Amino acid sequence: MRVRALVVDVDGTLIDERDVFNLDAVKLLREVDNRYIPVIIASGRSSHDIKTIVQFIGVKTPAIAENGGVVFE
């Protein structure tokens, strides 16, 4: 089966309880993105927080914020 997209939560997955990025996970997401598999960041965090996180990771796909209340590119 071909992977069509990867949706990733933020808290406890990419960022720990001290708000520190898991750099190994970020590196893997960049590799997935470079293989033309969309990496979609999803979180209950604010749009502002998610835009900052998406910028840091460097993916250029839609993201989901505010518990699904906001979707943006």
Protein backbone atom coordinates (compact mmCIF):
# COMPACT_ATOMS: atom_id res chain seq x y z
CA MET A 1 0.00 0.00 0.00
CA ARG A 2 1.31 3.44 -0.96
CA VAL A 3 1.36 6.16 1.71
CA ARG A 4 -0.65 9.14 0.43
CA ALA A 5 -0.14 11.51 3.37
CA LEU A 6 1.17 11.62 6.90
CA VAL A 7 -0.81 13.51 9.56
CA VAL A 8 1.17 14.26 12.71
CA ASP A 9 0.09 15.61 16.07
CA VAL A 10 2.34 18.12 17.82
CA ASP A 11 2.20 17.67 21.59
CA GLY A 12 3.93 14.53 22.76
CA THR A 13 4.96 13.67 19.20
CA LEU A 14 7.02 16.55 17.79
CA ILE A 15 7.28 18.63 20.95
CA ASP A 16 7.73 17.34 24.49
CA GLU A 17 6.17 18.62 27.71
CA ARG A 18 8.86 21.34 27.97
CA ASP A 19 8.06 22.61 24.43
CA VAL A 20 11.31 21.17 23.03
CA PHE A 21 11.29 19.78 19.50
CA ASN A 22 12.15 16.14 18.87
CA LEU A 23 14.79 16.87 16.22
CA ASP A 24 14.91 13.23 15.06
CA ALA A 25 11.19 13.39 14.30
CA VAL A 26 11.60 16.74 12.51
CA LYS A 27 14.39 15.28 10.38
CA LEU A 28 12.21 12.30 9.44
CA LEU A 29 9.29 14.57 8.52
CA ARG A 30 11.58 16.57 6.23
CA GLU A 31 12.70 13.34 4.58
CA VAL A 32 9.08 12.24 4.07
CA ASP A 33 8.23 15.66 2.62
CA ASN A 34 11.22 15.40 0.24
CA ARG A 35 9.71 12.15 -1.07
CA TYR A 36 6.60 14.12 -2.11
CA ILE A 37 4.44 12.61 0.62
CA PRO A 38 2.36 15.40 2.18
CA VAL A 39 3.13 15.96 5.86
CA ILE A 40 0.14 17.55 7.58
CA ILE A 41 0.63 19.00 11.05
CA ALA A 42 -2.51 18.78 13.22
CA SER A 43 -3.02 20.15 16.70
CA GLY A 44 -5.34 21.78 19.17
CA ARG A 45 -2.84 24.62 19.43
CA SER A 46 -3.51 28.10 18.07
CA SER A 47 -3.04 28.97 14.40
CA HIS A 48 -0.12 31.22 15.33
CA ASP A 49 1.67 28.35 17.12
CA ILE A 50 1.08 25.92 14.27
CA LYS A 51 2.29 28.37 11.60
CA THR A 52 5.52 28.79 13.58
CA ILE A 53 5.93 25.01 13.93
CA VAL A 54 5.23 24.40 10.23
CA GLN A 55 7.80 27.06 9.32
CA PHE A 56 10.40 25.43 11.56
CA ILE A 57 9.80 21.99 10.12
CA GLY A 58 9.81 23.36 6.59
CA VAL A 59 6.86 21.50 5.07
CA LYS A 60 4.64 23.24 2.55
CA THR A 61 1.34 21.43 2.99
CA PRO A 62 -1.91 22.34 4.74
CA ALA A 63 -1.98 22.31 8.53
CA ILE A 64 -4.80 21.90 11.02
CA ALA A 65 -5.04 24.05 14.17
CA GLU A 66 -7.42 24.86 17.01
CA ASN A 67 -8.82 21.30 17.30
CA GLY A 68 -9.76 21.20 13.65
CA GLY A 69 -11.40 24.63 13.67
CA VAL A 70 -8.80 26.12 11.31
CA VAL A 71 -7.18 24.62 8.23
CA PHE A 72 -4.59 26.67 6.36
CA GLU A 73 -1.74 26.43 3.88
